[in-house]
N, C-alpha and C. Protein backbone atom coordinates (compact mmCIF):
# COMPACT_ATOMS: atom_id res chain seq x y z
N MET A 1 80.59 -81.07 39.83
CA MET A 1 80.49 -81.58 38.49
C MET A 1 79.43 -80.78 37.75
N ASP A 2 79.78 -80.24 36.61
CA ASP A 2 78.88 -79.42 35.79
C ASP A 2 78.11 -80.32 34.84
N VAL A 3 76.80 -80.36 35.01
CA VAL A 3 75.96 -81.16 34.13
C VAL A 3 75.20 -80.21 33.23
N SER A 4 75.46 -80.31 31.92
CA SER A 4 74.77 -79.44 30.98
C SER A 4 73.73 -80.23 30.22
N ASN A 5 72.83 -79.53 29.60
CA ASN A 5 71.77 -80.16 28.81
C ASN A 5 72.37 -80.69 27.52
N PRO A 6 72.35 -82.01 27.29
CA PRO A 6 72.95 -82.56 26.06
C PRO A 6 72.14 -82.22 24.82
N TYR A 7 70.91 -81.76 24.98
CA TYR A 7 70.06 -81.46 23.83
C TYR A 7 70.12 -79.99 23.42
N SER A 8 70.78 -79.16 24.21
CA SER A 8 70.87 -77.75 23.85
C SER A 8 71.95 -77.57 22.79
N THR A 9 71.78 -76.55 21.99
CA THR A 9 72.75 -76.29 20.92
C THR A 9 74.00 -75.67 21.52
N PRO A 10 75.15 -75.77 20.83
CA PRO A 10 76.40 -75.31 21.41
C PRO A 10 76.41 -73.83 21.81
N ALA A 11 75.83 -72.95 21.01
CA ALA A 11 75.85 -71.53 21.33
C ALA A 11 75.04 -71.23 22.58
N ALA A 12 74.02 -72.03 22.85
CA ALA A 12 73.17 -71.78 24.00
C ALA A 12 73.87 -72.14 25.31
N GLN A 13 74.95 -72.91 25.25
CA GLN A 13 75.63 -73.32 26.45
C GLN A 13 76.57 -72.25 26.99
N GLY A 14 76.93 -71.27 26.17
CA GLY A 14 77.83 -70.22 26.60
C GLY A 14 77.14 -69.26 27.55
N ALA A 15 77.94 -68.50 28.25
CA ALA A 15 77.37 -67.53 29.18
C ALA A 15 77.77 -66.13 28.74
N GLY A 16 77.10 -65.14 29.31
CA GLY A 16 77.45 -63.77 29.00
C GLY A 16 76.37 -63.09 28.19
N SER A 17 76.58 -61.83 27.91
CA SER A 17 75.63 -61.04 27.15
C SER A 17 75.79 -61.32 25.66
N VAL A 18 74.69 -61.47 24.98
CA VAL A 18 74.71 -61.76 23.54
C VAL A 18 73.88 -60.73 22.81
N SER A 19 74.11 -60.66 21.52
CA SER A 19 73.26 -59.82 20.69
C SER A 19 72.79 -60.67 19.53
N GLY A 20 71.62 -60.41 19.07
CA GLY A 20 71.06 -61.18 17.98
C GLY A 20 69.56 -61.25 18.11
N HIS A 21 68.96 -61.83 17.10
CA HIS A 21 67.51 -61.95 17.06
C HIS A 21 67.12 -63.40 16.81
N PHE A 22 65.98 -63.77 17.32
CA PHE A 22 65.45 -65.12 17.14
C PHE A 22 63.97 -65.03 16.82
N TYR A 23 63.39 -66.15 16.39
CA TYR A 23 61.95 -66.23 16.14
C TYR A 23 61.32 -67.03 17.27
N THR A 24 60.16 -66.58 17.73
CA THR A 24 59.44 -67.26 18.81
C THR A 24 58.59 -68.39 18.24
N MET A 25 58.07 -69.22 19.13
CA MET A 25 57.20 -70.33 18.70
C MET A 25 55.93 -69.80 18.06
N GLY A 26 55.39 -68.72 18.60
CA GLY A 26 54.19 -68.12 18.01
C GLY A 26 54.46 -67.59 16.61
N GLN A 27 55.63 -67.00 16.42
CA GLN A 27 55.99 -66.50 15.10
C GLN A 27 56.15 -67.65 14.10
N VAL A 28 56.72 -68.76 14.56
CA VAL A 28 56.85 -69.94 13.70
C VAL A 28 55.47 -70.45 13.30
N ALA A 29 54.54 -70.51 14.26
CA ALA A 29 53.19 -70.98 13.97
C ALA A 29 52.48 -70.06 12.98
N LEU A 30 52.57 -68.75 13.19
CA LEU A 30 51.92 -67.81 12.28
C LEU A 30 52.53 -67.89 10.88
N ALA A 31 53.85 -67.95 10.81
CA ALA A 31 54.52 -68.04 9.52
C ALA A 31 54.10 -69.31 8.77
N THR A 32 54.00 -70.41 9.48
CA THR A 32 53.59 -71.66 8.85
C THR A 32 52.15 -71.58 8.38
N LEU A 33 51.29 -70.94 9.15
CA LEU A 33 49.90 -70.78 8.75
C LEU A 33 49.77 -69.90 7.52
N LEU A 34 50.49 -68.77 7.50
CA LEU A 34 50.37 -67.83 6.38
C LEU A 34 51.18 -68.25 5.15
N GLY A 35 52.39 -68.73 5.36
CA GLY A 35 53.30 -68.99 4.24
C GLY A 35 53.60 -70.44 3.99
N GLY A 36 53.01 -71.34 4.78
CA GLY A 36 53.21 -72.75 4.57
C GLY A 36 54.51 -73.27 5.16
N PRO A 37 54.85 -74.51 4.82
CA PRO A 37 56.04 -75.14 5.39
C PRO A 37 57.34 -74.41 5.08
N LEU A 38 57.41 -73.74 3.94
CA LEU A 38 58.64 -73.02 3.61
C LEU A 38 58.89 -71.88 4.58
N ALA A 39 57.84 -71.16 4.95
CA ALA A 39 57.99 -70.04 5.88
C ALA A 39 58.35 -70.54 7.28
N GLY A 40 57.60 -71.50 7.77
CA GLY A 40 57.90 -72.04 9.10
C GLY A 40 59.27 -72.68 9.15
N GLY A 41 59.61 -73.41 8.10
CA GLY A 41 60.92 -74.05 8.04
C GLY A 41 62.05 -73.05 8.02
N TYR A 42 61.87 -71.95 7.30
CA TYR A 42 62.91 -70.93 7.26
C TYR A 42 63.14 -70.32 8.64
N LEU A 43 62.06 -70.02 9.36
CA LEU A 43 62.20 -69.42 10.69
C LEU A 43 62.89 -70.38 11.66
N VAL A 44 62.48 -71.65 11.64
CA VAL A 44 63.10 -72.63 12.52
C VAL A 44 64.57 -72.82 12.15
N ALA A 45 64.85 -72.91 10.85
CA ALA A 45 66.24 -73.06 10.39
C ALA A 45 67.07 -71.85 10.81
N SER A 46 66.49 -70.67 10.72
CA SER A 46 67.20 -69.46 11.12
C SER A 46 67.59 -69.51 12.60
N ASP A 47 66.68 -70.00 13.43
CA ASP A 47 67.01 -70.14 14.85
C ASP A 47 68.10 -71.19 15.06
N HIS A 48 68.05 -72.28 14.33
CA HIS A 48 69.11 -73.29 14.44
C HIS A 48 70.46 -72.69 14.05
N TRP A 49 70.49 -71.92 12.96
CA TRP A 49 71.73 -71.27 12.55
C TRP A 49 72.23 -70.33 13.64
N LEU A 50 71.31 -69.58 14.25
CA LEU A 50 71.68 -68.65 15.31
C LEU A 50 72.39 -69.37 16.44
N PHE A 51 71.92 -70.56 16.76
CA PHE A 51 72.48 -71.31 17.88
C PHE A 51 73.59 -72.27 17.46
N GLY A 52 74.08 -72.14 16.24
CA GLY A 52 75.24 -72.91 15.80
C GLY A 52 74.96 -74.32 15.35
N ALA A 53 73.74 -74.63 15.00
CA ALA A 53 73.38 -75.98 14.56
C ALA A 53 73.06 -75.95 13.06
N ALA A 54 74.09 -75.75 12.24
CA ALA A 54 73.89 -75.63 10.80
C ALA A 54 73.34 -76.91 10.18
N ASN A 55 73.76 -78.06 10.67
CA ASN A 55 73.25 -79.31 10.11
C ASN A 55 71.76 -79.48 10.37
N ARG A 56 71.33 -79.11 11.56
CA ARG A 56 69.89 -79.17 11.87
C ARG A 56 69.12 -78.18 11.00
N ALA A 57 69.70 -77.01 10.77
CA ALA A 57 69.05 -76.00 9.93
C ALA A 57 68.84 -76.54 8.52
N LYS A 58 69.87 -77.17 7.97
CA LYS A 58 69.76 -77.74 6.62
C LYS A 58 68.73 -78.86 6.58
N LEU A 59 68.71 -79.67 7.62
CA LEU A 59 67.73 -80.76 7.70
C LEU A 59 66.31 -80.21 7.75
N VAL A 60 66.09 -79.16 8.54
CA VAL A 60 64.76 -78.55 8.64
C VAL A 60 64.32 -78.00 7.29
N LEU A 61 65.22 -77.36 6.57
CA LEU A 61 64.87 -76.84 5.24
C LEU A 61 64.53 -77.98 4.28
N GLY A 62 65.30 -79.05 4.31
CA GLY A 62 65.01 -80.20 3.46
C GLY A 62 63.66 -80.82 3.78
N VAL A 63 63.39 -80.98 5.06
CA VAL A 63 62.10 -81.54 5.49
C VAL A 63 60.96 -80.60 5.08
N SER A 64 61.19 -79.31 5.17
CA SER A 64 60.15 -78.34 4.79
C SER A 64 59.80 -78.45 3.31
N PHE A 65 60.81 -78.62 2.46
CA PHE A 65 60.53 -78.82 1.03
C PHE A 65 59.78 -80.14 0.82
N ALA A 66 60.14 -81.18 1.57
CA ALA A 66 59.43 -82.46 1.45
C ALA A 66 57.98 -82.34 1.92
N VAL A 67 57.76 -81.60 3.01
CA VAL A 67 56.39 -81.39 3.51
C VAL A 67 55.59 -80.61 2.47
N LEU A 68 56.21 -79.60 1.88
CA LEU A 68 55.52 -78.84 0.83
C LEU A 68 55.16 -79.73 -0.34
N ALA A 69 56.10 -80.56 -0.78
CA ALA A 69 55.83 -81.48 -1.90
C ALA A 69 54.69 -82.43 -1.55
N GLY A 70 54.71 -82.95 -0.34
CA GLY A 70 53.63 -83.83 0.09
C GLY A 70 52.28 -83.13 0.15
N ALA A 71 52.28 -81.91 0.66
CA ALA A 71 51.03 -81.15 0.75
C ALA A 71 50.49 -80.82 -0.63
N LEU A 72 51.38 -80.44 -1.55
CA LEU A 72 50.93 -80.15 -2.92
C LEU A 72 50.41 -81.42 -3.60
N ALA A 73 51.08 -82.54 -3.39
CA ALA A 73 50.63 -83.80 -3.98
C ALA A 73 49.28 -84.21 -3.40
N LEU A 74 49.12 -84.07 -2.10
CA LEU A 74 47.85 -84.40 -1.47
C LEU A 74 46.74 -83.49 -1.98
N GLY A 75 47.02 -82.21 -2.10
CA GLY A 75 46.02 -81.29 -2.63
C GLY A 75 45.65 -81.60 -4.07
N TYR A 76 46.60 -82.07 -4.85
CA TYR A 76 46.36 -82.42 -6.25
C TYR A 76 45.51 -83.69 -6.35
N LEU A 77 45.75 -84.64 -5.45
CA LEU A 77 45.07 -85.94 -5.51
C LEU A 77 43.68 -85.93 -4.88
N LEU A 78 43.46 -85.06 -3.92
CA LEU A 78 42.16 -85.02 -3.25
C LEU A 78 41.10 -84.42 -4.17
N ALA A 79 39.88 -84.80 -3.92
CA ALA A 79 38.77 -84.24 -4.68
C ALA A 79 38.66 -82.74 -4.42
N GLN A 80 38.11 -82.03 -5.38
CA GLN A 80 38.03 -80.58 -5.26
C GLN A 80 37.24 -80.11 -4.06
N ASN A 81 36.21 -80.81 -3.68
CA ASN A 81 35.35 -80.36 -2.59
C ASN A 81 35.76 -80.87 -1.23
N SER A 82 36.87 -81.60 -1.15
CA SER A 82 37.30 -82.09 0.16
C SER A 82 38.12 -81.02 0.86
N GLY A 83 37.96 -80.93 2.15
CA GLY A 83 38.66 -79.91 2.92
C GLY A 83 40.06 -80.34 3.32
N THR A 84 40.94 -79.38 3.41
CA THR A 84 42.32 -79.65 3.84
C THR A 84 42.68 -78.86 5.09
N LEU A 85 41.67 -78.30 5.75
CA LEU A 85 41.93 -77.48 6.93
C LEU A 85 42.61 -78.28 8.04
N GLY A 86 42.17 -79.49 8.26
CA GLY A 86 42.78 -80.33 9.30
C GLY A 86 44.23 -80.61 9.01
N PHE A 87 44.54 -80.86 7.75
CA PHE A 87 45.92 -81.11 7.34
C PHE A 87 46.77 -79.86 7.56
N THR A 88 46.23 -78.71 7.21
CA THR A 88 46.94 -77.45 7.38
C THR A 88 47.22 -77.18 8.86
N ILE A 89 46.22 -77.37 9.69
CA ILE A 89 46.40 -77.16 11.13
C ILE A 89 47.42 -78.15 11.69
N GLY A 90 47.40 -79.37 11.19
CA GLY A 90 48.38 -80.36 11.63
C GLY A 90 49.81 -79.94 11.32
N ILE A 91 50.03 -79.36 10.15
CA ILE A 91 51.36 -78.88 9.79
C ILE A 91 51.78 -77.73 10.70
N VAL A 92 50.87 -76.80 10.95
CA VAL A 92 51.18 -75.66 11.82
C VAL A 92 51.55 -76.15 13.23
N VAL A 93 50.75 -77.06 13.77
CA VAL A 93 51.01 -77.58 15.11
C VAL A 93 52.34 -78.34 15.14
N ALA A 94 52.62 -79.11 14.11
CA ALA A 94 53.88 -79.87 14.07
C ALA A 94 55.09 -78.94 14.08
N TYR A 95 55.05 -77.88 13.31
CA TYR A 95 56.17 -76.93 13.28
C TYR A 95 56.33 -76.23 14.63
N ARG A 96 55.22 -75.85 15.24
CA ARG A 96 55.31 -75.16 16.53
C ARG A 96 55.84 -76.09 17.61
N VAL A 97 55.35 -77.32 17.64
CA VAL A 97 55.80 -78.28 18.65
C VAL A 97 57.28 -78.59 18.45
N TYR A 98 57.70 -78.77 17.20
CA TYR A 98 59.12 -79.02 16.94
C TYR A 98 59.96 -77.84 17.42
N ALA A 99 59.54 -76.63 17.10
CA ALA A 99 60.30 -75.44 17.50
C ALA A 99 60.39 -75.37 19.02
N GLN A 100 59.29 -75.64 19.71
CA GLN A 100 59.30 -75.60 21.17
C GLN A 100 60.23 -76.66 21.74
N THR A 101 60.18 -77.85 21.19
CA THR A 101 60.98 -78.95 21.71
C THR A 101 62.47 -78.74 21.41
N ALA A 102 62.78 -78.39 20.16
CA ALA A 102 64.18 -78.30 19.74
C ALA A 102 64.84 -76.99 20.14
N LEU A 103 64.07 -75.91 20.23
CA LEU A 103 64.68 -74.59 20.41
C LEU A 103 64.24 -73.86 21.68
N GLY A 104 63.18 -74.31 22.32
CA GLY A 104 62.64 -73.60 23.47
C GLY A 104 63.67 -73.28 24.55
N PRO A 105 64.39 -74.28 25.07
CA PRO A 105 65.38 -73.99 26.12
C PRO A 105 66.50 -73.04 25.65
N SER A 106 66.94 -73.22 24.42
CA SER A 106 68.00 -72.35 23.89
C SER A 106 67.51 -70.92 23.76
N ILE A 107 66.27 -70.75 23.31
CA ILE A 107 65.70 -69.41 23.17
C ILE A 107 65.54 -68.76 24.53
N ASP A 108 65.06 -69.51 25.52
CA ASP A 108 64.90 -68.96 26.87
C ASP A 108 66.24 -68.46 27.41
N GLN A 109 67.28 -69.25 27.24
CA GLN A 109 68.60 -68.86 27.72
C GLN A 109 69.13 -67.67 26.92
N PHE A 110 68.89 -67.67 25.62
CA PHE A 110 69.35 -66.58 24.76
C PHE A 110 68.66 -65.26 25.14
N LYS A 111 67.35 -65.35 25.42
CA LYS A 111 66.61 -64.16 25.87
C LYS A 111 67.18 -63.61 27.17
N SER A 112 67.46 -64.49 28.09
CA SER A 112 67.97 -64.03 29.39
C SER A 112 69.38 -63.45 29.27
N SER A 113 70.07 -63.76 28.17
CA SER A 113 71.41 -63.21 27.95
C SER A 113 71.40 -61.95 27.11
N GLY A 114 70.22 -61.47 26.73
CA GLY A 114 70.14 -60.21 25.99
C GLY A 114 69.66 -60.32 24.56
N GLY A 115 69.39 -61.52 24.08
CA GLY A 115 68.88 -61.68 22.72
C GLY A 115 67.44 -61.21 22.62
N THR A 116 67.06 -60.72 21.46
CA THR A 116 65.69 -60.23 21.26
C THR A 116 65.06 -60.93 20.07
N ARG A 117 63.76 -60.91 20.03
CA ARG A 117 63.05 -61.56 18.92
C ARG A 117 62.94 -60.62 17.73
N TYR A 118 62.77 -61.23 16.55
CA TYR A 118 62.51 -60.44 15.35
C TYR A 118 61.11 -59.85 15.44
N SER A 119 60.84 -58.82 14.66
CA SER A 119 59.53 -58.18 14.68
C SER A 119 58.50 -59.04 13.98
N TRP A 120 57.25 -58.83 14.36
CA TRP A 120 56.14 -59.55 13.72
C TRP A 120 56.01 -59.12 12.26
N TRP A 121 56.35 -57.89 11.94
CA TRP A 121 56.27 -57.43 10.55
C TRP A 121 57.22 -58.21 9.66
N ARG A 122 58.40 -58.51 10.19
CA ARG A 122 59.35 -59.32 9.44
C ARG A 122 58.78 -60.71 9.18
N VAL A 123 58.16 -61.27 10.20
CA VAL A 123 57.56 -62.61 10.07
C VAL A 123 56.47 -62.59 9.00
N ILE A 124 55.61 -61.58 9.02
CA ILE A 124 54.54 -61.48 8.04
C ILE A 124 55.11 -61.31 6.63
N GLY A 125 56.12 -60.45 6.49
CA GLY A 125 56.75 -60.25 5.18
C GLY A 125 57.38 -61.53 4.64
N LEU A 126 58.11 -62.24 5.48
CA LEU A 126 58.71 -63.51 5.05
C LEU A 126 57.64 -64.55 4.71
N SER A 127 56.57 -64.54 5.48
CA SER A 127 55.47 -65.48 5.23
C SER A 127 54.82 -65.22 3.88
N LEU A 128 54.59 -63.95 3.57
CA LEU A 128 53.99 -63.61 2.28
C LEU A 128 54.93 -63.95 1.13
N LEU A 129 56.21 -63.74 1.33
CA LEU A 129 57.20 -64.12 0.32
C LEU A 129 57.19 -65.63 0.09
N ALA A 130 57.14 -66.40 1.17
CA ALA A 130 57.07 -67.85 1.05
C ALA A 130 55.76 -68.29 0.39
N LEU A 131 54.68 -67.59 0.68
CA LEU A 131 53.40 -67.92 0.05
C LEU A 131 53.47 -67.70 -1.46
N VAL A 132 54.07 -66.59 -1.88
CA VAL A 132 54.23 -66.32 -3.32
C VAL A 132 55.09 -67.42 -3.96
N LEU A 133 56.16 -67.81 -3.30
CA LEU A 133 57.03 -68.87 -3.82
C LEU A 133 56.26 -70.19 -3.92
N THR A 134 55.46 -70.49 -2.92
CA THR A 134 54.66 -71.73 -2.92
C THR A 134 53.65 -71.71 -4.06
N VAL A 135 52.99 -70.57 -4.28
CA VAL A 135 52.03 -70.46 -5.38
C VAL A 135 52.74 -70.63 -6.72
N CYS A 136 53.92 -70.07 -6.86
CA CYS A 136 54.69 -70.23 -8.11
C CYS A 136 55.05 -71.70 -8.34
N ILE A 137 55.47 -72.38 -7.30
CA ILE A 137 55.81 -73.81 -7.41
C ILE A 137 54.56 -74.61 -7.78
N ALA A 138 53.45 -74.34 -7.10
CA ALA A 138 52.21 -75.07 -7.38
C ALA A 138 51.73 -74.80 -8.81
N THR A 139 51.83 -73.56 -9.27
CA THR A 139 51.42 -73.22 -10.64
C THR A 139 52.29 -73.94 -11.65
N ALA A 140 53.58 -73.95 -11.42
CA ALA A 140 54.49 -74.65 -12.33
C ALA A 140 54.17 -76.14 -12.39
N LEU A 141 53.86 -76.73 -11.24
CA LEU A 141 53.51 -78.15 -11.22
C LEU A 141 52.22 -78.43 -11.96
N VAL A 142 51.24 -77.57 -11.78
CA VAL A 142 49.96 -77.75 -12.48
C VAL A 142 50.16 -77.66 -13.99
N LEU A 143 51.00 -76.75 -14.41
CA LEU A 143 51.25 -76.59 -15.85
C LEU A 143 52.06 -77.76 -16.42
N LEU A 144 52.90 -78.36 -15.60
CA LEU A 144 53.76 -79.46 -16.09
C LEU A 144 53.09 -80.82 -16.01
N LEU A 145 52.18 -81.01 -15.03
CA LEU A 145 51.55 -82.31 -14.87
C LEU A 145 50.46 -82.51 -15.91
N PRO A 146 50.30 -83.76 -16.36
CA PRO A 146 49.25 -84.01 -17.35
C PRO A 146 47.86 -83.83 -16.75
N GLN A 147 46.97 -83.30 -17.55
CA GLN A 147 45.59 -83.06 -17.11
C GLN A 147 44.75 -84.29 -17.43
N ASN A 148 43.79 -84.63 -16.56
CA ASN A 148 42.92 -85.80 -16.78
C ASN A 148 41.86 -85.50 -17.80
C-alpha cells in the first residue's frame, strides 16, 4: 500500500527528473526583511505555483496584501518614537516558518529530482522592487489620509 504525504502539493508527488527553479526559506526571509510582506509573499506564492497549488498561491498573495495593510496602519497609528523592529522581525519569522511548513518537503523532493533555486541576486532585485511598491503605496495613503 502506497502511503503519500497528504500535505504535499500535487507536483511534488510525481517522480522523475524535473527542471525549474524555487525559492529557499532563507531567500523568503531575506526578501521579507528587505521588501516587506509583498516580497516574501511573492516568493512563497511563486513556489506554490511551481508545485501546482494555484489556490494557495492566490491566498498567500491576498494575505500578504492584508499584512502590508495592517503593518502600514499600525505604523500610522503608533507614535513616531515607538519602535517597530519587533513587529518587523515577527513578520519575517512568520513568512519563513510558513514557507518551511508548507513548502519544505516539496522543495526537498524537488531538489532531489533536479530542481534548482533562484539566484540571490534575483531575490534582492525582487525585494527592492517590492520595497519601491510598498513606499509608493504608503506615500499614496499618507497623501490621501486626513492629517491631524
